[in-house]
Each structure stands twice: as structure tokens, then as C-alpha cells.
Amino acid sequence: MTFYHGTSSELVKLGDRLLPPGETGVLREVGRQKNLDVVFATSSLSMAVGYANTTARNHGGDPVIYKVSGKFRPWKNKVGTTIFVASVADIVEKI
């Protein structure tokens, strides 16, 4: 399965790895204090585009989408889920 991560060029301070907000101190969703120990990804490219656009709108910069890999597991155990989490994610390529 292919995983994508949408973000903003304003928040990109990384090499080849995405770390969770608890380690970077960068909160993509203002006011959110849960799930600070995981990196989110989606199996849906269109959802990643939506996340990137929202993040760019909220934080400035341009939307950025990465294809990522890692030990992802479903965020919620629902059939057909498209949202996954991992403790870290490696950037495979910029889309």
C-alpha cells in the first residue's frame, strides 16, 4: 500500500524523515493536544492534497505532499480506513 503525507512548505524542517509533533514541537492542527507521538499518513492521494492545502492555508507556505513509508497501522480499526499512524515515517519522494 502507498502512503502519503500532506503538509506545508512552511513546516518542512526535515531531511528524509517525518517525526511526531511531540518530538518536533510543530503542531499542524492548532489546539490539538492528542496523538503527539505519531505521524499521520493516508492511503488516499486526494486526502493528502486536502491536508496539504489546509495546512498551507493555516500555516502559510505552499502545499507539499510526500510519499512516505514506515510501520503504519490503521489509526482507527474500521474497515476501509484510509488514515494510518506510525512512530516515524521515511520520506520516499516529494509528489
PDB file of N, CA and C in Angstrom:
ATOM      1  N   MET A   1       0.847  -1.171   0.000  1.00  0.00           N
ATOM      2  CA  MET A   1       0.000   0.000   0.000  1.00  0.00           C
ATOM      3  C   MET A   1       0.895   1.237   0.000  1.00  0.00           C
ATOM      4  N   THR A   2       0.483   2.254  -0.699  1.00  0.00           N
ATOM      5  CA  THR A   2       1.208   3.522  -0.757  1.00  0.00           C
ATOM      6  C   THR A   2       0.620   4.482   0.263  1.00  0.00           C
ATOM      7  N   PHE A   3       1.503   5.182   0.988  1.00  0.00           N
ATOM      8  CA  PHE A   3       1.079   6.154   1.991  1.00  0.00           C
ATOM      9  C   PHE A   3       1.553   7.541   1.597  1.00  0.00           C
ATOM     10  N   TYR A   4       0.717   8.549   1.891  1.00  0.00           N
ATOM     11  CA  TYR A   4       1.015   9.949   1.571  1.00  0.00           C
ATOM     12  C   TYR A   4       0.878  10.800   2.832  1.00  0.00           C
ATOM     13  N   HIS A   5       1.650  11.873   2.883  1.00  0.00           N
ATOM     14  CA  HIS A   5       1.582  12.828   3.993  1.00  0.00           C
ATOM     15  C   HIS A   5       1.512  14.225   3.403  1.00  0.00           C
ATOM     16  N   GLY A   6       0.462  14.968   3.727  1.00  0.00           N
ATOM     17  CA  GLY A   6       0.295  16.333   3.237  1.00  0.00           C
ATOM     18  C   GLY A   6       0.693  17.333   4.295  1.00  0.00           C
ATOM     19  N   THR A   7       1.473  18.342   3.913  1.00  0.00           N
ATOM     20  CA  THR A   7       1.927  19.361   4.850  1.00  0.00           C
ATOM     21  C   THR A   7       2.128  20.686   4.118  1.00  0.00           C
ATOM     22  N   SER A   8       2.837  21.601   4.735  1.00  0.00           N
ATOM     23  CA  SER A   8       3.117  22.909   4.155  1.00  0.00           C
ATOM     24  C   SER A   8       4.621  23.116   4.065  1.00  0.00           C
ATOM     25  N   SER A   9       5.056  23.815   3.043  1.00  0.00           N
ATOM     26  CA  SER A   9       6.486  24.121   2.899  1.00  0.00           C
ATOM     27  C   SER A   9       6.986  24.939   4.086  1.00  0.00           C
ATOM     28  N   GLU A  10       6.091  25.626   4.757  1.00  0.00           N
ATOM     29  CA  GLU A  10       6.442  26.437   5.924  1.00  0.00           C
ATOM     30  C   GLU A  10       6.831  25.561   7.118  1.00  0.00           C
ATOM     31  N   LEU A  11       6.331  24.333   7.149  1.00  0.00           N
ATOM     32  CA  LEU A  11       6.590  23.437   8.277  1.00  0.00           C
ATOM     33  C   LEU A  11       7.671  22.408   7.985  1.00  0.00           C
ATOM     34  N   VAL A  12       8.182  22.402   6.787  1.00  0.00           N
ATOM     35  CA  VAL A  12       9.157  21.383   6.404  1.00  0.00           C
ATOM     36  C   VAL A  12      10.536  21.790   6.908  1.00  0.00           C
ATOM     37  N   LYS A  13      10.995  21.090   7.947  1.00  0.00           N
ATOM     38  CA  LYS A  13      12.325  21.315   8.511  1.00  0.00           C
ATOM     39  C   LYS A  13      12.955  19.943   8.691  1.00  0.00           C
ATOM     40  N   LEU A  14      13.082  19.210   7.655  1.00  0.00           N
ATOM     41  CA  LEU A  14      13.483  17.827   7.803  1.00  0.00           C
ATOM     42  C   LEU A  14      14.404  17.382   6.693  1.00  0.00           C
ATOM     43  N   GLY A  15      15.008  16.270   6.939  1.00  0.00           N
ATOM     44  CA  GLY A  15      15.828  15.660   5.917  1.00  0.00           C
ATOM     45  C   GLY A  15      15.005  14.629   5.187  1.00  0.00           C
ATOM     46  N   ASP A  16      15.152  13.393   5.601  1.00  0.00           N
ATOM     47  CA  ASP A  16      14.454  12.309   4.922  1.00  0.00           C
ATOM     48  C   ASP A  16      13.462  11.600   5.836  1.00  0.00           C
ATOM     49  N   ARG A  17      13.099  12.250   6.951  1.00  0.00           N
ATOM     50  CA  ARG A  17      12.250  11.604   7.941  1.00  0.00           C
ATOM     51  C   ARG A  17      11.230  12.579   8.535  1.00  0.00           C
ATOM     52  N   LEU A  18      10.030  12.064   8.787  1.00  0.00           N
ATOM     53  CA  LEU A  18       8.993  12.828   9.486  1.00  0.00           C
ATOM     54  C   LEU A  18       8.914  12.303  10.914  1.00  0.00           C
ATOM     55  N   LEU A  19       8.953  13.226  11.873  1.00  0.00           N
ATOM     56  CA  LEU A  19       8.860  12.873  13.283  1.00  0.00           C
ATOM     57  C   LEU A  19       7.543  13.397  13.849  1.00  0.00           C
ATOM     58  N   PRO A  20       7.062  12.803  14.935  1.00  0.00           N
ATOM     59  CA  PRO A  20       5.790  13.251  15.514  1.00  0.00           C
ATOM     60  C   PRO A  20       5.914  14.626  16.160  1.00  0.00           C
ATOM     61  N   PRO A  21       4.781  15.317  16.320  1.00  0.00           N
ATOM     62  CA  PRO A  21       4.778  16.663  16.895  1.00  0.00           C
ATOM     63  C   PRO A  21       5.390  16.742  18.293  1.00  0.00           C
ATOM     64  N   GLY A  22       5.267  15.671  19.073  1.00  0.00           N
ATOM     65  CA  GLY A  22       5.851  15.656  20.410  1.00  0.00           C
ATOM     66  C   GLY A  22       7.362  15.796  20.382  1.00  0.00           C
ATOM     67  N   GLU A  23       7.989  15.380  19.294  1.00  0.00           N
ATOM     68  CA  GLU A  23       9.439  15.488  19.153  1.00  0.00           C
ATOM     69  C   GLU A  23       9.857  16.777  18.449  1.00  0.00           C
ATOM     70  N   THR A  24       9.046  17.251  17.526  1.00  0.00           N
ATOM     71  CA  THR A  24       9.426  18.441  16.752  1.00  0.00           C
ATOM     72  C   THR A  24       8.895  19.734  17.351  1.00  0.00           C
ATOM     73  N   GLY A  25       7.830  19.630  18.135  1.00  0.00           N
ATOM     74  CA  GLY A  25       7.200  20.830  18.680  1.00  0.00           C
ATOM     75  C   GLY A  25       6.327  21.564  17.669  1.00  0.00           C
ATOM     76  N   VAL A  26       6.148  20.991  16.489  1.00  0.00           N
ATOM     77  CA  VAL A  26       5.346  21.614  15.437  1.00  0.00           C
ATOM     78  C   VAL A  26       3.965  20.966  15.413  1.00  0.00           C
ATOM     79  N   LEU A  27       2.942  21.749  15.792  1.00  0.00           N
ATOM     80  CA  LEU A  27       1.560  21.268  15.759  1.00  0.00           C
ATOM     81  C   LEU A  27       0.912  21.732  14.470  1.00  0.00           C
ATOM     82  N   ARG A  28       0.522  20.810  13.632  1.00  0.00           N
ATOM     83  CA  ARG A  28      -0.107  21.167  12.365  1.00  0.00           C
ATOM     84  C   ARG A  28      -1.551  21.601  12.569  1.00  0.00           C
ATOM     85  N   GLU A  29      -2.184  21.074  13.615  1.00  0.00           N
ATOM     86  CA  GLU A  29      -3.562  21.445  13.916  1.00  0.00           C
ATOM     87  C   GLU A  29      -3.572  22.202  15.240  1.00  0.00           C
ATOM     88  N   VAL A  30      -3.799  23.490  15.183  1.00  0.00           N
ATOM     89  CA  VAL A  30      -3.773  24.351  16.357  1.00  0.00           C
ATOM     90  C   VAL A  30      -4.782  23.867  17.385  1.00  0.00           C
ATOM     91  N   GLY A  31      -4.353  23.777  18.631  1.00  0.00           N
ATOM     92  CA  GLY A  31      -5.235  23.367  19.709  1.00  0.00           C
ATOM     93  C   GLY A  31      -5.321  21.868  19.913  1.00  0.00           C
ATOM     94  N   ARG A  32      -4.778  21.088  19.005  1.00  0.00           N
ATOM     95  CA  ARG A  32      -4.861  19.639  19.128  1.00  0.00           C
ATOM     96  C   ARG A  32      -3.748  19.147  20.059  1.00  0.00           C
ATOM     97  N   GLN A  33      -4.117  18.478  21.128  1.00  0.00           N
ATOM     98  CA  GLN A  33      -3.143  18.005  22.108  1.00  0.00           C
ATOM     99  C   GLN A  33      -3.091  16.487  22.210  1.00  0.00           C
ATOM    100  N   LYS A  34      -3.759  15.795  21.313  1.00  0.00           N
ATOM    101  CA  LYS A  34      -3.744  14.332  21.318  1.00  0.00           C
ATOM    102  C   LYS A  34      -2.885  13.836  20.154  1.00  0.00           C
ATOM    103  N   ASN A  35      -2.480  12.596  20.237  1.00  0.00           N
ATOM    104  CA  ASN A  35      -1.724  11.934  19.167  1.00  0.00           C
ATOM    105  C   ASN A  35      -0.423  12.665  18.838  1.00  0.00           C
ATOM    106  N   LEU A  36       0.255  13.180  19.852  1.00  0.00           N
ATOM    107  CA  LEU A  36       1.504  13.902  19.629  1.00  0.00           C
ATOM    108  C   LEU A  36       2.690  12.965  19.453  1.00  0.00           C
ATOM    109  N   ASP A  37       2.435  11.653  19.561  1.00  0.00           N
ATOM    110  CA  ASP A  37       3.517  10.680  19.460  1.00  0.00           C
ATOM    111  C   ASP A  37       3.504   9.899  18.144  1.00  0.00           C
ATOM    112  N   VAL A  38       2.697  10.345  17.191  1.00  0.00           N
ATOM    113  CA  VAL A  38       2.603   9.634  15.913  1.00  0.00           C
ATOM    114  C   VAL A  38       2.628  10.591  14.730  1.00  0.00           C
ATOM    115  N   VAL A  39       3.007  10.035  13.591  1.00  0.00           N
ATOM    116  CA  VAL A  39       2.968  10.727  12.302  1.00  0.00           C
ATOM    117  C   VAL A  39       1.774  10.155  11.554  1.00  0.00           C
ATOM    118  N   PHE A  40       0.957  11.026  10.995  1.00  0.00           N
ATOM    119  CA  PHE A  40      -0.209  10.587  10.242  1.00  0.00           C
ATOM    120  C   PHE A  40       0.120  10.459   8.759  1.00  0.00           C
ATOM    121  N   ALA A  41      -0.536   9.520   8.114  1.00  0.00           N
ATOM    122  CA  ALA A  41      -0.446   9.361   6.670  1.00  0.00           C
ATOM    123  C   ALA A  41      -1.791   8.842   6.179  1.00  0.00           C
ATOM    124  N   THR A  42      -1.998   8.938   4.901  1.00  0.00           N
ATOM    125  CA  THR A  42      -3.232   8.431   4.303  1.00  0.00           C
ATOM    126  C   THR A  42      -2.891   7.608   3.068  1.00  0.00           C
ATOM    127  N   SER A  43      -3.751   6.683   2.765  1.00  0.00           N
ATOM    128  CA  SER A  43      -3.582   5.890   1.544  1.00  0.00           C
ATOM    129  C   SER A  43      -4.286   6.558   0.364  1.00  0.00           C
ATOM    130  N   SER A  44      -4.906   7.703   0.614  1.00  0.00           N
ATOM    131  CA  SER A  44      -5.645   8.430  -0.414  1.00  0.00           C
ATOM    132  C   SER A  44      -4.875   9.684  -0.828  1.00  0.00           C
ATOM    133  N   LEU A  45      -4.438   9.733  -2.062  1.00  0.00           N
ATOM    134  CA  LEU A  45      -3.717  10.907  -2.553  1.00  0.00           C
ATOM    135  C   LEU A  45      -4.597  12.152  -2.477  1.00  0.00           C
ATOM    136  N   SER A  46      -5.869  12.033  -2.789  1.00  0.00           N
ATOM    137  CA  SER A  46      -6.748  13.203  -2.735  1.00  0.00           C
ATOM    138  C   SER A  46      -6.900  13.724  -1.306  1.00  0.00           C
ATOM    139  N   MET A  47      -6.923  12.837  -0.313  1.00  0.00           N
ATOM    140  CA  MET A  47      -6.973  13.289   1.076  1.00  0.00           C
ATOM    141  C   MET A  47      -5.674  13.999   1.458  1.00  0.00           C
ATOM    142  N   ALA A  48      -4.535  13.484   0.998  1.00  0.00           N
ATOM    143  CA  ALA A  48      -3.249  14.127   1.280  1.00  0.00           C
ATOM    144  C   ALA A  48      -3.205  15.528   0.686  1.00  0.00           C
ATOM    145  N   VAL A  49      -3.763  15.692  -0.506  1.00  0.00           N
ATOM    146  CA  VAL A  49      -3.838  17.013  -1.136  1.00  0.00           C
ATOM    147  C   VAL A  49      -4.682  17.942  -0.265  1.00  0.00           C
ATOM    148  N   GLY A  50      -5.798  17.448   0.232  1.00  0.00           N
ATOM    149  CA  GLY A  50      -6.661  18.243   1.110  1.00  0.00           C
ATOM    150  C   GLY A  50      -5.948  18.647   2.392  1.00  0.00           C
ATOM    151  N   TYR A  51      -5.230  17.700   3.020  1.00  0.00           N
ATOM    152  CA  TYR A  51      -4.473  18.013   4.236  1.00  0.00           C
ATOM    153  C   TYR A  51      -3.393  19.047   3.938  1.00  0.00           C
ATOM    154  N   ALA A  52      -2.701  18.911   2.821  1.00  0.00           N
ATOM    155  CA  ALA A  52      -1.641  19.853   2.452  1.00  0.00           C
ATOM    156  C   ALA A  52      -2.211  21.250   2.231  1.00  0.00           C
ATOM    157  N   ASN A  53      -3.331  21.338   1.541  1.00  0.00           N
ATOM    158  CA  ASN A  53      -3.959  22.643   1.297  1.00  0.00           C
ATOM    159  C   ASN A  53      -4.415  23.298   2.603  1.00  0.00           C
ATOM    160  N   THR A  54      -5.018  22.522   3.486  1.00  0.00           N
ATOM    161  CA  THR A  54      -5.468  23.055   4.771  1.00  0.00           C
ATOM    162  C   THR A  54      -4.283  23.517   5.607  1.00  0.00           C
ATOM    163  N   THR A  55      -3.229  22.723   5.654  1.00  0.00           N
ATOM    164  CA  THR A  55      -2.050  23.084   6.434  1.00  0.00           C
ATOM    165  C   THR A  55      -1.405  24.348   5.876  1.00  0.00           C
ATOM    166  N   ALA A  56      -1.300  24.454   4.555  1.00  0.00           N
ATOM    167  CA  ALA A  56      -0.724  25.660   3.940  1.00  0.00           C
ATOM    168  C   ALA A  56      -1.589  26.886   4.229  1.00  0.00           C
ATOM    169  N   ARG A  57      -2.893  26.713   4.182  1.00  0.00           N
ATOM    170  CA  ARG A  57      -3.803  27.825   4.473  1.00  0.00           C
ATOM    171  C   ARG A  57      -3.658  28.275   5.933  1.00  0.00           C
ATOM    172  N   ASN A  58      -3.495  27.318   6.858  1.00  0.00           N
ATOM    173  CA  ASN A  58      -3.414  27.640   8.283  1.00  0.00           C
ATOM    174  C   ASN A  58      -2.036  28.126   8.726  1.00  0.00           C
ATOM    175  N   HIS A  59      -0.984  27.676   8.048  1.00  0.00           N
ATOM    176  CA  HIS A  59       0.380  27.975   8.496  1.00  0.00           C
ATOM    177  C   HIS A  59       1.201  28.760   7.489  1.00  0.00           C
ATOM    178  N   GLY A  60       0.650  29.010   6.311  1.00  0.00           N
ATOM    179  CA  GLY A  60       1.398  29.701   5.266  1.00  0.00           C
ATOM    180  C   GLY A  60       2.207  28.713   4.446  1.00  0.00           C
ATOM    181  N   GLY A  61       2.890  29.224   3.457  1.00  0.00           N
ATOM    182  CA  GLY A  61       3.688  28.376   2.583  1.00  0.00           C
ATOM    183  C   GLY A  61       2.853  27.719   1.503  1.00  0.00           C
ATOM    184  N   ASP A  62       3.470  26.806   0.805  1.00  0.00           N
ATOM    185  CA  ASP A  62       2.819  26.075  -0.276  1.00  0.00           C
ATOM    186  C   ASP A  62       2.506  24.654   0.160  1.00  0.00           C
ATOM    187  N   PRO A  63       1.437  24.065  -0.374  1.00  0.00           N
ATOM    188  CA  PRO A  63       1.127  22.670  -0.063  1.00  0.00           C
ATOM    189  C   PRO A  63       2.246  21.745  -0.546  1.00  0.00           C
ATOM    190  N   VAL A  64       2.574  20.765   0.277  1.00  0.00           N
ATOM    191  CA  VAL A  64       3.607  19.776  -0.055  1.00  0.00           C
ATOM    192  C   VAL A  64       3.042  18.392   0.249  1.00  0.00           C
ATOM    193  N   ILE A  65       3.254  17.463  -0.667  1.00  0.00           N
ATOM    194  CA  ILE A  65       2.796  16.093  -0.461  1.00  0.00           C
ATOM    195  C   ILE A  65       3.985  15.164  -0.630  1.00  0.00           C
ATOM    196  N   TYR A  66       4.146  14.278   0.348  1.00  0.00           N
ATOM    197  CA  TYR A  66       5.213  13.281   0.309  1.00  0.00           C
ATOM    198  C   TYR A  66       4.621  11.888   0.208  1.00  0.00           C
ATOM    199  N   LYS A  67       5.287  11.045  -0.538  1.00  0.00           N
ATOM    200  CA  LYS A  67       5.036   9.616  -0.454  1.00  0.00           C
ATOM    201  C   LYS A  67       5.946   9.142   0.672  1.00  0.00           C
ATOM    202  N   VAL A  68       5.403   8.400   1.652  1.00  0.00           N
ATOM    203  CA  VAL A  68       6.165   8.004   2.827  1.00  0.00           C
ATOM    204  C   VAL A  68       6.072   6.501   3.063  1.00  0.00           C
ATOM    205  N   SER A  69       7.013   6.006   3.861  1.00  0.00           N
ATOM    206  CA  SER A  69       6.982   4.602   4.265  1.00  0.00           C
ATOM    207  C   SER A  69       7.260   4.531   5.760  1.00  0.00           C
ATOM    208  N   GLY A  70       6.853   3.455   6.362  1.00  0.00           N
ATOM    209  CA  GLY A  70       7.063   3.259   7.797  1.00  0.00           C
ATOM    210  C   GLY A  70       6.228   2.101   8.287  1.00  0.00           C
ATOM    211  N   LYS A  71       6.258   1.894   9.565  1.00  0.00           N
ATOM    212  CA  LYS A  71       5.473   0.819  10.186  1.00  0.00           C
ATOM    213  C   LYS A  71       4.091   1.362  10.524  1.00  0.00           C
ATOM    214  N   PHE A  72       3.318   1.640   9.483  1.00  0.00           N
ATOM    215  CA  PHE A  72       1.997   2.232   9.662  1.00  0.00           C
ATOM    216  C   PHE A  72       0.973   1.191  10.082  1.00  0.00           C
ATOM    217  N   ARG A  73       0.068   1.646  10.921  1.00  0.00           N
ATOM    218  CA  ARG A  73      -1.074   0.825  11.342  1.00  0.00           C
ATOM    219  C   ARG A  73      -2.326   1.691  11.205  1.00  0.00           C
ATOM    220  N   PRO A  74      -3.487   1.089  11.063  1.00  0.00           N
ATOM    221  CA  PRO A  74      -4.713   1.890  10.953  1.00  0.00           C
ATOM    222  C   PRO A  74      -4.890   2.763  12.195  1.00  0.00           C
ATOM    223  N   TRP A  75      -5.281   4.012  11.980  1.00  0.00           N
ATOM    224  CA  TRP A  75      -5.496   4.917  13.101  1.00  0.00           C
ATOM    225  C   TRP A  75      -6.677   4.443  13.935  1.00  0.00           C
ATOM    226  N   LYS A  76      -7.730   4.079  13.285  1.00  0.00           N
ATOM    227  CA  LYS A  76      -8.893   3.516  13.962  1.00  0.00           C
ATOM    228  C   LYS A  76      -9.206   2.197  13.270  1.00  0.00           C
ATOM    229  N   ASN A  77      -9.560   1.221  14.051  1.00  0.00           N
ATOM    230  CA  ASN A  77      -9.816  -0.106  13.495  1.00  0.00           C
ATOM    231  C   ASN A  77     -11.185  -0.178  12.844  1.00  0.00           C
ATOM    232  N   LYS A  78     -11.284   0.479  11.691  1.00  0.00           N
ATOM    233  CA  LYS A  78     -12.525   0.451  10.923  1.00  0.00           C
ATOM    234  C   LYS A  78     -12.221  -0.121   9.545  1.00  0.00           C
ATOM    235  N   VAL A  79     -13.110  -0.911   9.049  1.00  0.00           N
ATOM    236  CA  VAL A  79     -12.957  -1.472   7.717  1.00  0.00           C
ATOM    237  C   VAL A  79     -12.891  -0.338   6.696  1.00  0.00           C
ATOM    238  N   GLY A  80     -11.915  -0.396   5.811  1.00  0.00           N
ATOM    239  CA  GLY A  80     -11.804   0.604   4.754  1.00  0.00           C
ATOM    240  C   GLY A  80     -11.141   1.895   5.176  1.00  0.00           C
ATOM    241  N   THR A  81     -10.498   1.911   6.355  1.00  0.00           N
ATOM    242  CA  THR A  81      -9.857   3.141   6.813  1.00  0.00           C
ATOM    243  C   THR A  81      -8.794   3.609   5.818  1.00  0.00           C
ATOM    244  N   THR A  82      -8.636   4.914   5.713  1.00  0.00           N
ATOM    245  CA  THR A  82      -7.612   5.485   4.827  1.00  0.00           C
ATOM    246  C   THR A  82      -6.613   6.320   5.616  1.00  0.00           C
ATOM    247  N   ILE A  83      -6.733   6.332   6.951  1.00  0.00           N
ATOM    248  CA  ILE A  83      -5.829   7.105   7.795  1.00  0.00           C
ATOM    249  C   ILE A  83      -5.012   6.138   8.645  1.00  0.00           C
ATOM    250  N   PHE A  84      -3.697   6.350   8.636  1.00  0.00           N
ATOM    251  CA  PHE A  84      -2.765   5.462   9.311  1.00  0.00           C
ATOM    252  C   PHE A  84      -1.789   6.270  10.162  1.00  0.00           C
ATOM    253  N   VAL A  85      -1.183   5.628  11.159  1.00  0.00           N
ATOM    254  CA  VAL A  85      -0.206   6.286  12.025  1.00  0.00           C
ATOM    255  C   VAL A  85       1.028   5.405  12.181  1.00  0.00           C
ATOM    256  N   ALA A  86       2.156   6.067  12.458  1.00  0.00           N
ATOM    257  CA  ALA A  86       3.413   5.379  12.747  1.00  0.00           C
ATOM    258  C   ALA A  86       4.221   6.278  13.675  1.00  0.00           C
ATOM    259  N   SER A  87       5.192   5.693  14.362  1.00  0.00           N
ATOM    260  CA  SER A  87       6.004   6.495  15.275  1.00  0.00           C
ATOM    261  C   SER A  87       6.948   7.424  14.515  1.00  0.00           C
ATOM    262  N   VAL A  88       7.360   7.047  13.332  1.00  0.00           N
ATOM    263  CA  VAL A  88       8.153   7.881  12.421  1.00  0.00           C
ATOM    264  C   VAL A  88       7.806   7.461  11.000  1.00  0.00           C
ATOM    265  N   ALA A  89       8.145   8.301  10.042  1.00  0.00           N
ATOM    266  CA  ALA A  89       7.916   7.952   8.634  1.00  0.00           C
ATOM    267  C   ALA A  89       9.119   8.419   7.822  1.00  0.00           C
ATOM    268  N   ASP A  90       9.526   7.590   6.901  1.00  0.00           N
ATOM    269  CA  ASP A  90      10.610   7.946   5.992  1.00  0.00           C
ATOM    270  C   ASP A  90      10.017   8.528   4.724  1.00  0.00           C
ATOM    271  N   ILE A  91      10.602   9.623   4.255  1.00  0.00           N
ATOM    272  CA  ILE A  91      10.149  10.235   3.012  1.00  0.00           C
ATOM    273  C   ILE A  91      10.727   9.462   1.846  1.00  0.00           C
ATOM    274  N   VAL A  92       9.851   8.988   0.991  1.00  0.00           N
ATOM    275  CA  VAL A  92      10.267   8.231  -0.192  1.00  0.00           C
ATOM    276  C   VAL A  92      10.493   9.201  -1.355  1.00  0.00           C
ATOM    277  N   GLU A  93       9.521  10.100  -1.552  1.00  0.00           N
ATOM    278  CA  GLU A  93       9.645  11.110  -2.601  1.00  0.00           C
ATOM    279  C   GLU A  93       8.641  12.232  -2.399  1.00  0.00           C
ATOM    280  N   LYS A  94       8.958  13.372  -2.968  1.00  0.00           N
ATOM    281  CA  LYS A  94       8.037  14.513  -2.972  1.00  0.00           C
ATOM    282  C   LYS A  94       7.168  14.355  -4.199  1.00  0.00           C
ATOM    283  N   ILE A  95       5.857  14.492  -4.035  1.00  0.00           N
ATOM    284  CA  ILE A  95       4.914  14.340  -5.147  1.00  0.00           C
ATOM    285  C   ILE A  95       4.683  15.701  -5.786  1.00  0.00           C
TER     286      ILE A  95
END
